[in-house]
Amino acid sequence: MLSKRLWGMAIATAISFAFGVALAQEAAPAPPPDVTTQRDVKLSATQMRDEAEGYLPEMERGASTVRRQLSESREKRDVVKVLCLNDKLNQIDVATRSARDRMPNLRGAAEKNDADRSRHEFTVIQVLRDRVRSLVAEANQCIGEETGFVGESQVTVQIDPTIPDDPSAYPTDPIVSQPPVIASPTQ
């Protein structure tokens, strides 16, 4: 009963992270995250803890990459890209902080050798890691402002001198051919 409730909470958390994103712009869909739950089911509680310990540095590297992109966009004064990257970075920071807050729970469950609790915490941390991967991919697709010219536009038109003055006029001596006569098979 308690195990079903925990799995339900894990699934609800995953769904809320998946649909809780405010998209700043339309972009090509990110590739689906690499969720390897089949392999992870066979891990012991300590193996889950050890593997999850490696997720946090990966998440931090993703945040620093987006942070660097944000800094470059601010230097270029690209407001559109700054807004997009800032949104992605905030979401990455929330997911990373949440994973970091869950690590003590996973460590405690691993020390007590509580397989169900360890699996639950590990699954939630995995979902958060996958969310960060997805957000980093979305951040790489943030598009900046269009480069344009300041000032008035001027349009110049050149007409080809070989074109007749009024090409819509019919020719004076049109060549009209008669269509071939076709016999009907019923006549």
Foldseek 3Di string as FASTA:
>chain_A
DVLVVLVVVLVVLLVCLVPVADQLDDDDADPQFDDDVVVVLPDFLVRLLVVLVVLLVVLVVLLVVLVVVLVVCVVVVFVQLNVRSVSLSVSSVVLSVVLVVLSVQSVVCNVVRPRSSNSSSSSSSSSSSSSSVSSSRVSVGRDTDDDDDPDDDDDDDDDDVVDDPDPVDDDPDDDDDDDDDDDDPVD
